[in-house]
């Protein structure tokens, strides 16, 4: 495709009245980009124009698009950089998301009706431009690419999200654009693009320069893409060079996302906070996160979210709190500590909620998290036995077919508790023995259980009985010998025989 006819169609040639001949000299790229920026900014319906710009980038010679300059101090360098920055910003503006007038409102899906088509067109045009960079301009003008990469990165992040303003076509185009950006600069992935590896080939500072002015308390809700751009950037960053980003993000996440009235924003904030906590020992030190009371602020915010009634949200909060507590204090299991701590506060509230919980999804989440918390507090679980025992008995009594994940986790908790608090098991042995025997009977009589699940439950019950017997000085064995075999199934009798035989052997 000839370039001169394209310039004529775009009215960018030196003479718009006559169609230029292909042999006519081309105008300087900076002059053309300046004219393109004006046209893209001033045209209301720009889909056709964006397509023409894509054809222009496709037909152009890379040496014309990226003219060689003597050095970075050349007067043409600043002009070229400003021209490309302006035209790329104008292209991205053609697919900009509408802004909500109210800072606490949200736009209807109809407001984004025309966005996906334009976003796909802009992504395609920018992908072609970056392809030219890859062919020849990228190696020679890496600094120019670093100047224009931040807005391109944020645009692609905005439109490959599965949100109301995207479609399958626009998401595919945005992912293709991100891949073209990575190839043009020789970056491996988004993390490498943002933070580099000990060199200056990273764009994190440029991305933050764009985002931070918009992330004020008054304006951050007006554009729905801002929180996604910020959170995606934060979650990709895993380098020692992003220490300032992690530290400064704490206040934004707490003030904007974590305290927001929308549950989805709160959980996005929890995911970001968890990422900060997980990177604390790698990127920061625990002391830096505790500085200015940041860690305590995070703890209080997450502790409030323990009252949520959504299973997925609760799982995020429990997982994040487990890691954050290590930043705030030493675990009770690491040394003898008499004074209760935050670990005890969290476990106390979790057990309180578990005892009254009737929703199956929430019971599963609590059951999956409880073994980790019991292991963390260690022998300090003795403080919580009065609340823990009703939870164990209640959760072991009610089935959770077909996987029986709740019962399996509760058996794991019971075994850990017996090992840690064995001197206090004698007074609770009768209740635990009755519960385990009922569990064995239920499991053996349930035709809906698979053989593998039944075997796991019986093995877990047998292990619990053996530990309980050791903790009560063989009292369980004496009671088991009194069990009336006429009311037991063959599987239960086999299990009890195995337990008593192993106890006699030991």
Protein backbone atom coordinates (compact mmCIF):
# COMPACT_ATOMS: atom_id res chain seq x y z
CA UNK A 1 0.00 0.00 0.00
CA UNK A 2 1.40 3.40 -1.03
CA UNK A 3 1.85 5.98 1.73
CA UNK A 4 1.15 9.13 -0.29
CA UNK A 5 -2.49 8.22 -1.14
CA UNK A 6 -3.06 7.55 2.54
CA UNK A 7 -1.74 10.97 3.43
CA UNK A 8 -4.04 12.47 0.82
CA UNK A 9 -7.05 10.58 2.24
CA UNK A 10 -6.19 11.90 5.68
CA UNK A 11 -5.72 15.42 4.28
CA UNK A 12 -2.16 15.45 5.60
CA UNK A 13 -0.27 16.03 2.36
CA UNK A 14 1.29 19.34 1.47
CA UNK A 15 -1.43 20.05 -1.10
CA UNK A 16 -4.92 18.84 -0.29
CA UNK A 17 -6.40 19.99 -3.60
CA UNK A 18 -4.37 17.65 -5.75
CA UNK A 19 -3.62 14.01 -5.12
CA UNK A 20 0.14 13.75 -4.54
CA UNK A 21 2.30 11.56 -6.65
CA UNK A 22 4.05 8.72 -4.82
CA UNK A 23 7.41 10.23 -5.69
CA UNK A 24 6.67 13.48 -3.80
CA UNK A 25 8.76 13.85 -0.64
CA UNK A 26 7.01 12.93 2.59
CA UNK A 27 6.47 15.56 5.28
CA UNK A 28 8.48 15.24 8.52
CA UNK A 29 6.95 12.72 10.92
CA UNK A 30 6.63 15.33 13.66
CA UNK A 31 4.54 17.55 11.38
CA UNK A 32 2.30 14.66 10.40
CA UNK A 33 1.84 13.52 14.03
CA UNK A 34 0.88 17.03 15.06
CA UNK A 35 -1.82 17.15 12.38
CA UNK A 36 -3.03 13.66 13.29
CA UNK A 37 -3.37 14.66 16.93
CA UNK A 38 -5.57 17.62 15.99
CA UNK A 39 -7.81 15.48 13.78
CA UNK A 40 -8.19 12.71 16.37
CA UNK A 41 -9.06 15.25 19.04
CA UNK A 42 -11.57 17.18 16.97
CA UNK A 43 -13.54 14.39 15.27
CA UNK A 44 -16.66 13.17 17.07
CA UNK A 45 -17.07 9.90 15.13
CA UNK A 46 -13.48 8.70 14.89
CA UNK A 47 -13.77 4.97 14.08
CA UNK A 48 -13.05 5.49 10.37
CA UNK A 49 -10.20 7.86 11.12
CA UNK A 50 -8.61 5.36 13.52
CA UNK A 51 -8.68 2.73 10.77
CA UNK A 52 -6.95 5.13 8.39
CA UNK A 53 -4.30 5.86 11.01
CA UNK A 54 -3.72 2.11 11.38
CA UNK A 55 -3.23 1.78 7.59
CA UNK A 56 -0.81 4.71 7.71
CA UNK A 57 1.32 3.08 10.42
CA UNK A 58 1.19 -0.20 8.53
CA UNK A 59 2.42 1.27 5.23
CA UNK A 60 5.02 3.63 6.68
CA UNK A 61 8.75 2.92 6.66
CA UNK A 62 10.12 2.53 10.22
CA UNK A 63 13.03 4.83 9.31
CA UNK A 64 10.50 7.55 8.49
CA UNK A 65 8.41 6.93 11.61
CA UNK A 66 11.50 6.92 13.83
CA UNK A 67 14.09 9.16 12.18
CA UNK A 68 17.67 8.76 13.42
CA UNK A 69 18.82 11.47 15.80
CA UNK A 70 22.39 12.30 16.70
CA UNK A 71 21.86 11.92 20.46
CA UNK A 72 19.28 12.49 23.16
CA UNK A 73 20.30 16.15 23.40
CA UNK A 74 19.28 16.77 19.78
CA UNK A 75 16.59 19.46 19.59
CA UNK A 76 14.50 17.11 17.50
CA UNK A 77 14.36 14.54 20.31
CA UNK A 78 12.00 16.51 22.55
CA UNK A 79 9.83 17.42 19.56
CA UNK A 80 9.58 13.79 18.43
CA UNK A 81 8.79 12.57 21.93
CA UNK A 82 6.10 15.21 22.44
CA UNK A 83 4.57 14.46 19.02
CA UNK A 84 4.29 10.70 19.68
CA UNK A 85 3.01 11.25 23.22
CA UNK A 86 0.32 13.59 21.91
CA UNK A 87 -0.92 11.37 19.10
CA UNK A 88 -0.96 8.27 21.30
CA UNK A 89 -2.90 10.15 23.98
CA UNK A 90 -5.34 11.33 21.32
CA UNK A 91 -5.80 7.78 20.03
CA UNK A 92 -6.42 6.47 23.54
CA UNK A 93 -8.83 9.35 24.15
CA UNK A 94 -10.99 8.11 21.28
CA UNK A 95 -11.85 5.06 23.41
CA UNK A 96 -11.86 6.78 26.80
CA UNK A 97 -14.43 5.61 29.32
CA UNK A 98 -17.18 8.08 30.20
CA UNK A 99 -16.74 9.77 33.55
CA UNK A 100 -19.45 9.72 36.19
CA UNK A 101 -20.54 13.19 37.28
CA UNK A 102 -21.09 12.12 40.89
CA UNK A 103 -18.20 10.84 42.96
CA UNK A 104 -20.34 8.17 44.62
CA UNK A 105 -22.40 7.06 41.62
CA UNK A 106 -21.99 4.56 38.82
CA UNK A 107 -22.86 4.57 35.14
CA UNK A 108 -25.33 2.28 33.46
CA UNK A 109 -24.05 -0.32 30.99
CA UNK A 110 -25.62 1.63 28.12
CA UNK A 111 -23.12 4.44 28.71
CA UNK A 112 -20.31 2.13 27.55
CA UNK A 113 -22.10 0.89 24.42
CA UNK A 114 -19.69 2.42 21.89
CA UNK A 115 -16.50 1.85 23.90
CA UNK A 116 -15.63 -1.76 22.91
CA UNK A 117 -15.63 -1.10 19.15
CA UNK A 118 -13.44 1.99 19.50
CA UNK A 119 -11.13 0.28 21.99
CA UNK A 120 -10.57 -2.60 19.57
CA UNK A 121 -9.76 -0.15 16.75
CA UNK A 122 -7.33 1.85 18.91
CA UNK A 123 -5.65 -1.34 20.15
CA UNK A 124 -5.19 -2.52 16.58
CA UNK A 125 -3.66 0.82 15.49
CA UNK A 126 -1.25 0.92 18.42
CA UNK A 127 -0.29 -2.72 17.85
CA UNK A 128 0.72 -1.88 14.27
CA UNK A 129 2.73 1.12 15.48
CA UNK A 130 4.56 -1.01 18.04
CA UNK A 131 5.22 -3.59 15.35
CA UNK A 132 7.22 -0.94 13.49
CA UNK A 133 9.13 -0.24 16.69
CA UNK A 134 10.00 -3.91 16.88
CA UNK A 135 11.19 -3.98 13.26
CA UNK A 136 13.75 -1.28 13.51
CA UNK A 137 12.89 1.67 15.67
CA UNK A 138 12.85 -0.04 19.05
CA UNK A 139 16.56 -0.72 19.37
CA UNK A 140 17.45 2.79 18.25
CA UNK A 141 14.79 4.67 20.16
CA UNK A 142 14.30 2.69 23.37
CA UNK A 143 14.01 5.89 25.35
CA UNK A 144 11.18 7.06 23.10
CA UNK A 145 9.35 3.78 23.75
CA UNK A 146 9.76 4.24 27.52
CA UNK A 147 8.14 7.67 27.20
CA UNK A 148 5.01 6.39 25.44
CA UNK A 149 4.74 2.95 27.10
CA UNK A 150 2.93 4.03 30.33
CA UNK A 151 -0.30 5.26 28.67
CA UNK A 152 -0.30 2.28 26.29
CA UNK A 153 0.15 -0.09 29.23
CA UNK A 154 -2.73 1.51 31.17
CA UNK A 155 -4.97 1.42 28.09
CA UNK A 156 -4.36 -2.28 27.53
CA UNK A 157 -4.92 -3.06 31.22
CA UNK A 158 -8.22 -1.21 31.12
CA UNK A 159 -9.58 -3.09 28.14
CA UNK A 160 -8.48 -6.68 28.70
CA UNK A 161 -10.46 -6.81 31.95
CA UNK A 162 -13.75 -8.69 31.89
CA UNK A 163 -15.87 -5.62 32.60
CA UNK A 164 -19.02 -3.98 31.33
CA UNK A 165 -17.10 -1.69 28.94
CA UNK A 166 -15.34 -4.56 27.12
CA UNK A 167 -16.32 -7.23 24.63
CA UNK A 168 -14.61 -10.43 23.50
CA UNK A 169 -13.14 -8.59 20.50
CA UNK A 170 -11.85 -5.62 22.52
CA UNK A 171 -10.32 -7.89 25.17
CA UNK A 172 -8.52 -9.92 22.51
CA UNK A 173 -7.23 -6.74 20.84
CA UNK A 174 -6.05 -5.34 24.18
CA UNK A 175 -4.15 -8.52 25.04
CA UNK A 176 -2.55 -8.44 21.59
CA UNK A 177 -1.55 -4.82 22.23
CA UNK A 178 0.07 -5.72 25.54
CA UNK A 179 2.02 -8.51 23.84
CA UNK A 180 3.21 -6.08 21.15
CA UNK A 181 4.35 -3.63 23.83
CA UNK A 182 6.36 -6.33 25.61
CA UNK A 183 7.99 -7.48 22.36
CA UNK A 184 8.84 -3.93 21.28
CA UNK A 185 10.80 -3.29 24.46
CA UNK A 186 12.16 -6.79 24.98
CA UNK A 187 10.29 -7.27 28.27
CA UNK A 188 9.37 -10.76 29.46
CA UNK A 189 6.11 -9.95 31.21
CA UNK A 190 4.20 -7.17 32.95
CA UNK A 191 6.32 -7.37 36.10
CA UNK A 192 9.51 -6.96 34.05
CA UNK A 193 7.89 -4.08 32.14
CA UNK A 194 6.96 -2.27 35.35
CA UNK A 195 10.05 -2.78 37.48
CA UNK A 196 12.88 -4.05 35.25
CA UNK A 197 15.91 -5.79 36.71
CA UNK A 198 18.38 -3.32 38.10
CA UNK A 199 18.26 -1.09 35.02
CA UNK A 200 16.31 1.92 33.84
CA UNK A 201 14.12 0.00 31.37
CA UNK A 202 10.99 0.16 33.51
CA UNK A 203 7.86 2.28 33.40
CA UNK A 204 6.53 2.12 36.96
CA UNK A 205 7.30 5.75 37.72
CA UNK A 206 5.61 6.88 34.52
CA UNK A 207 2.52 4.80 35.32
CA UNK A 208 2.30 6.29 38.82
CA UNK A 209 2.71 9.81 37.42
CA UNK A 210 -0.46 9.21 35.38
CA UNK A 211 -2.47 7.47 38.11
CA UNK A 212 -1.69 9.37 41.29
CA UNK A 213 -3.30 12.72 40.34
CA UNK A 214 -6.56 10.86 39.63
CA UNK A 215 -6.58 8.78 42.82
CA UNK A 216 -7.83 11.52 45.10
CA UNK A 217 -10.63 10.90 47.54
CA UNK A 218 -12.94 13.16 45.51
CA UNK A 219 -12.33 11.72 42.04
CA UNK A 220 -11.28 8.05 42.18
CA UNK A 221 -14.84 6.70 41.87
CA UNK A 222 -15.72 8.77 38.81
CA UNK A 223 -13.78 6.54 36.41
CA UNK A 224 -14.45 2.85 36.88
CA UNK A 225 -11.10 1.82 35.37
CA UNK A 226 -8.88 3.61 37.89
CA UNK A 227 -9.14 1.00 40.65
CA UNK A 228 -8.42 -1.79 38.14
CA UNK A 229 -5.41 0.02 36.70
CA UNK A 230 -3.98 0.64 40.17
CA UNK A 231 -4.67 -2.84 41.55
CA UNK A 232 -3.33 -4.61 38.44
CA UNK A 233 -0.14 -2.54 38.61
CA UNK A 234 0.30 -3.25 42.30
CA UNK A 235 -0.35 -6.99 41.95
CA UNK A 236 2.22 -7.30 39.13
CA UNK A 237 4.97 -5.49 41.04
CA UNK A 238 7.38 -7.83 42.84
CA UNK A 239 10.75 -6.11 42.79
CA UNK A 240 12.97 -4.43 45.33
CA UNK A 241 12.60 -1.26 43.29
CA UNK A 242 8.91 -0.88 44.19
CA UNK A 243 9.34 -0.28 47.92
CA UNK A 244 7.83 3.19 47.68
CA UNK A 245 4.83 1.83 45.76
CA UNK A 246 4.02 -0.76 48.43
CA UNK A 247 4.40 1.69 51.30
CA UNK A 248 2.39 4.47 49.67
CA UNK A 249 -0.32 2.05 48.57
CA UNK A 250 -1.38 1.21 52.12
CA UNK A 251 -3.09 4.52 52.78
CA UNK A 252 -4.79 4.61 49.37
CA UNK A 253 -6.13 1.06 49.70
CA UNK A 254 -7.48 1.70 53.18
CA UNK A 255 -8.93 5.14 52.48
CA UNK A 256 -10.44 4.32 49.08
CA UNK A 257 -11.01 0.60 48.51
CA UNK A 258 -11.10 -1.02 51.93
CA UNK A 259 -13.61 1.42 53.43
CA UNK A 260 -15.82 1.61 50.35
CA UNK A 261 -19.50 0.75 50.58
CA UNK A 262 -19.28 -1.60 47.57
CA UNK A 263 -18.25 -5.15 48.59
CA UNK A 264 -16.36 -5.73 45.34
CA UNK A 265 -14.14 -2.71 46.05
CA UNK A 266 -13.47 -3.91 49.59
CA UNK A 267 -12.37 -7.34 48.39
CA UNK A 268 -10.19 -5.81 45.69
CA UNK A 269 -8.56 -3.85 48.51
CA UNK A 270 -8.07 -7.03 50.54
CA UNK A 271 -6.33 -8.73 47.60
CA UNK A 272 -4.01 -5.73 47.25
CA UNK A 273 -3.27 -5.68 50.97
CA UNK A 274 -2.49 -9.39 50.92
CA UNK A 275 -0.04 -8.81 48.09
CA UNK A 276 1.67 -6.09 50.15
CA UNK A 277 1.89 -8.38 53.18
CA UNK A 278 3.28 -11.30 51.15
CA UNK A 279 5.97 -9.04 49.68
CA UNK A 280 6.84 -7.48 53.02
CA UNK A 281 9.60 -9.94 53.89
CA UNK A 282 11.00 -9.73 50.33
CA UNK A 283 10.68 -6.08 49.38
CA UNK A 284 10.22 -4.38 52.74
CA UNK A 285 10.97 -5.32 56.30
CA UNK A 286 8.31 -5.92 58.90
CA UNK A 287 9.52 -2.79 60.69
CA UNK A 288 8.91 -0.68 57.58
CA UNK A 289 5.36 -1.94 57.27
CA UNK A 290 4.79 -1.26 60.98
CA UNK A 291 6.19 2.26 60.60
CA UNK A 292 3.63 5.03 61.16
CA UNK A 293 1.26 2.32 62.47
CA UNK A 294 0.55 1.06 58.92
CA UNK A 295 0.35 -2.61 59.88
CA UNK A 296 -2.03 -1.90 62.76
CA UNK A 297 -4.28 0.06 60.41
CA UNK A 298 -4.32 -2.89 58.03
CA UNK A 299 -5.12 -5.27 60.87
CA UNK A 300 -8.07 -3.21 62.10
CA UNK A 301 -9.46 -2.91 58.58
CA UNK A 302 -9.20 -6.64 57.92
CA UNK A 303 -10.58 -7.55 61.34
CA UNK A 304 -13.78 -5.68 60.51
CA UNK A 305 -14.16 -7.75 57.35
CA UNK A 306 -14.38 -10.94 59.42
CA UNK A 307 -18.06 -10.10 59.83
CA UNK A 308 -18.74 -10.57 56.10
CA UNK A 309 -21.31 -13.14 55.02
CA UNK A 310 -19.77 -13.90 51.60
CA UNK A 311 -17.71 -17.10 51.48
CA UNK A 312 -15.22 -15.91 48.83
CA UNK A 313 -14.63 -12.64 50.68
CA UNK A 314 -14.19 -14.38 54.01
CA UNK A 315 -11.60 -16.74 52.55
CA UNK A 316 -9.55 -13.79 51.31
CA UNK A 317 -9.73 -12.03 54.68
CA UNK A 318 -8.76 -15.10 56.72
CA UNK A 319 -5.81 -15.83 54.45
CA UNK A 320 -4.59 -12.22 54.52
CA UNK A 321 -4.94 -11.94 58.30
CA UNK A 322 -2.92 -15.12 58.84
CA UNK A 323 0.04 -13.56 56.99
CA UNK A 324 -0.39 -10.06 58.44
CA UNK A 325 -0.28 -11.35 62.01
CA UNK A 326 3.30 -12.52 61.42
CA UNK A 327 4.24 -8.92 60.61
CA UNK A 328 2.57 -7.56 63.72
CA UNK A 329 3.78 -10.04 66.32
CA UNK A 330 5.52 -13.32 66.97
CA UNK A 331 3.17 -16.32 66.89
CA UNK A 332 2.24 -17.69 70.33
CA UNK A 333 3.63 -21.09 69.29
CA UNK A 334 7.17 -19.68 68.97
CA UNK A 335 7.65 -18.99 72.67
CA UNK A 336 5.90 -19.24 76.00
CA UNK A 337 3.60 -16.26 76.26
CA UNK A 338 0.99 -15.82 78.92
CA UNK A 339 -0.56 -12.59 77.74
CA UNK A 340 -3.23 -12.92 74.97
CA UNK A 341 -2.38 -11.31 71.65
CA UNK A 342 -3.97 -10.52 68.28
CA UNK A 343 -3.74 -14.17 67.24
CA UNK A 344 -6.03 -14.97 70.14
CA UNK A 345 -8.44 -12.18 69.19
CA UNK A 346 -8.80 -13.48 65.63
CA UNK A 347 -9.16 -17.13 66.66
CA UNK A 348 -11.69 -16.20 69.36
CA UNK A 349 -13.88 -14.33 66.84
CA UNK A 350 -13.55 -17.10 64.24
CA UNK A 351 -14.67 -19.76 66.73
CA UNK A 352 -17.56 -17.55 67.87
CA UNK A 353 -18.78 -17.21 64.30
CA UNK A 354 -18.23 -20.89 63.54
CA UNK A 355 -20.38 -22.07 66.42
CA UNK A 356 -23.44 -20.21 65.15
CA UNK A 357 -22.83 -20.57 61.39
CA UNK A 358 -25.35 -22.61 59.41
CA UNK A 359 -24.42 -21.78 55.81
CA UNK A 360 -22.56 -24.66 54.19
CA UNK A 361 -20.28 -22.43 52.09
CA UNK A 362 -19.15 -20.41 55.12
CA UNK A 363 -18.67 -23.56 57.22
CA UNK A 364 -16.33 -24.89 54.55
CA UNK A 365 -14.28 -21.69 54.53
CA UNK A 366 -14.00 -21.63 58.32
CA UNK A 367 -13.09 -25.32 58.42
CA UNK A 368 -10.34 -24.91 55.83
CA UNK A 369 -8.77 -21.99 57.72
CA UNK A 370 -9.06 -23.32 61.28
CA UNK A 371 -6.18 -25.89 61.10
CA UNK A 372 -3.77 -23.13 60.08
CA UNK A 373 -4.80 -20.88 62.96
CA UNK A 374 -4.63 -23.71 65.51
CA UNK A 375 -1.16 -24.64 64.28
CA UNK A 376 -0.09 -21.00 64.49
CA UNK A 377 -1.19 -20.47 68.10
CA UNK A 378 0.29 -23.79 69.21
CA UNK A 379 -0.12 -24.65 72.87
CA UNK A 380 -1.98 -21.38 73.36
CA UNK A 381 -5.00 -23.22 71.92
CA UNK A 382 -5.65 -24.20 75.55
CA UNK A 383 -7.07 -20.70 76.00
CA UNK A 384 -9.76 -21.46 73.42
CA UNK A 385 -10.82 -24.99 74.37
CA UNK A 386 -14.13 -23.88 75.83
CA UNK A 387 -15.16 -22.46 72.44
CA UNK A 388 -13.25 -24.91 70.28
CA UNK A 389 -14.82 -28.11 71.67
CA UNK A 390 -18.46 -27.23 70.78
CA UNK A 391 -17.28 -26.27 67.29
CA UNK A 392 -15.48 -29.59 66.83
CA UNK A 393 -18.42 -31.64 68.08
CA UNK A 394 -20.94 -29.73 66.01
CA UNK A 395 -18.97 -29.77 62.76
CA UNK A 396 -18.11 -33.47 63.07
CA UNK A 397 -21.76 -34.33 63.63
CA UNK A 398 -23.10 -32.77 60.41
CA UNK A 399 -22.02 -34.24 57.09
CA UNK A 400 -20.79 -32.33 54.07
CA UNK A 401 -21.18 -34.75 51.15
CA UNK A 402 -19.74 -35.77 48.81
CA UNK A 403 -16.19 -34.59 49.65
CA UNK A 404 -16.79 -34.27 53.42
CA UNK A 405 -14.16 -31.54 53.47
CA UNK A 406 -15.52 -30.02 56.68
CA UNK A 407 -15.33 -33.26 58.66
CA UNK A 408 -11.85 -34.04 57.35
CA UNK A 409 -10.55 -30.60 58.36
CA UNK A 410 -12.20 -30.90 61.78
CA UNK A 411 -10.50 -34.25 62.35
CA UNK A 412 -7.22 -32.55 61.49
CA UNK A 413 -7.97 -29.81 64.03
CA UNK A 414 -8.94 -32.38 66.66
CA UNK A 415 -5.68 -34.27 66.26
CA UNK A 416 -3.64 -31.07 66.53
CA UNK A 417 -5.60 -29.98 69.58
CA UNK A 418 -5.07 -33.33 71.36
CA UNK A 419 -1.32 -33.16 70.69
CA UNK A 420 -1.06 -29.57 71.92
CA UNK A 421 -3.47 -29.65 74.88
CA UNK A 422 -3.29 -33.32 75.93
CA UNK A 423 -3.28 -32.62 79.70
CA UNK A 424 -6.76 -31.11 79.36
CA UNK A 425 -8.31 -33.91 77.33
CA UNK A 426 -9.29 -36.18 80.23
CA UNK A 427 -12.37 -34.15 81.13
CA UNK A 428 -13.45 -34.03 77.49
CA UNK A 429 -12.71 -37.62 76.54
CA UNK A 430 -16.26 -38.95 76.96
CA UNK A 431 -17.84 -36.33 74.70
CA UNK A 432 -15.14 -36.74 72.07
CA UNK A 433 -15.36 -40.53 72.15
CA UNK A 434 -19.14 -40.48 71.65
CA UNK A 435 -18.74 -38.01 68.75
CA UNK A 436 -16.08 -40.13 67.03
CA UNK A 437 -18.06 -43.33 67.43
CA UNK A 438 -21.16 -41.67 65.95
CA UNK A 439 -19.00 -40.44 63.09
CA UNK A 440 -17.77 -43.97 62.41
CA UNK A 441 -21.30 -45.32 62.41
CA UNK A 442 -22.55 -42.55 60.08
CA UNK A 443 -19.67 -43.03 57.67
CA UNK A 444 -20.04 -46.79 57.49
CA UNK A 445 -23.80 -46.53 56.87
CA UNK A 446 -23.73 -43.73 54.28
CA UNK A 447 -24.09 -45.22 50.76
CA UNK A 448 -23.42 -41.86 49.09
CA UNK A 449 -19.78 -41.69 50.14
CA UNK A 450 -17.04 -42.84 47.81
CA UNK A 451 -14.63 -45.46 49.06
CA UNK A 452 -11.72 -43.00 49.15
CA UNK A 453 -13.62 -40.45 51.26
CA UNK A 454 -14.91 -43.17 53.61
CA UNK A 455 -11.37 -44.47 54.05
CA UNK A 456 -10.04 -40.99 54.84
CA UNK A 457 -12.74 -40.39 57.45
CA UNK A 458 -12.17 -43.75 59.12
CA UNK A 459 -8.41 -43.29 59.17
CA UNK A 460 -8.81 -39.78 60.61
CA UNK A 461 -11.22 -41.06 63.27
CA UNK A 462 -8.87 -43.94 64.16
CA UNK A 463 -5.91 -41.56 64.49
CA UNK A 464 -7.98 -39.27 66.72
CA UNK A 465 -9.00 -42.20 68.93
CA UNK A 466 -5.40 -43.33 69.33
CA UNK A 467 -4.25 -39.83 70.28
CA UNK A 468 -7.14 -39.40 72.67
CA UNK A 469 -6.35 -42.75 74.31
CA UNK A 470 -2.71 -41.77 74.80
CA UNK A 471 -3.74 -38.42 76.27
CA UNK A 472 -6.13 -40.10 78.78
CA UNK A 473 -3.80 -42.93 79.87
CA UNK A 474 -5.60 -45.76 78.06
CA UNK A 475 -9.05 -44.80 79.24
CA UNK A 476 -10.39 -44.82 75.66
CA UNK A 477 -9.23 -48.42 75.16
CA UNK A 478 -11.07 -49.54 78.28
CA UNK A 479 -14.25 -47.84 77.05
CA UNK A 480 -13.90 -49.30 73.55
CA UNK A 481 -13.71 -52.81 74.94
CA UNK A 482 -17.14 -52.23 76.46
CA UNK A 483 -18.75 -51.35 73.10
CA UNK A 484 -21.61 -53.71 72.22
CA UNK A 485 -20.55 -55.31 68.94
CA UNK A 486 -24.14 -56.25 68.07
CA UNK A 487 -24.95 -52.64 67.15
CA UNK A 488 -21.84 -52.00 65.04
CA UNK A 489 -21.27 -52.54 61.36
CA UNK A 490 -18.35 -54.68 60.15
CA UNK A 491 -16.45 -51.55 59.07
CA UNK A 492 -16.79 -49.99 62.53
CA UNK A 493 -15.79 -53.22 64.27
CA UNK A 494 -12.75 -53.49 62.01
CA UNK A 495 -11.78 -49.90 62.79
CA UNK A 496 -12.21 -50.36 66.55
CA UNK A 497 -10.30 -53.63 66.46
CA UNK A 498 -7.45 -51.90 64.67
CA UNK A 499 -7.39 -49.11 67.24
CA UNK A 500 -7.38 -51.44 70.23
CA UNK A 501 -4.80 -53.74 68.64
CA UNK A 502 -2.43 -50.85 67.96
CA UNK A 503 -2.92 -49.57 71.49
CA UNK A 504 -2.11 -52.97 72.97
CA UNK A 505 0.97 -53.17 70.78
CA UNK A 506 2.18 -49.75 71.96
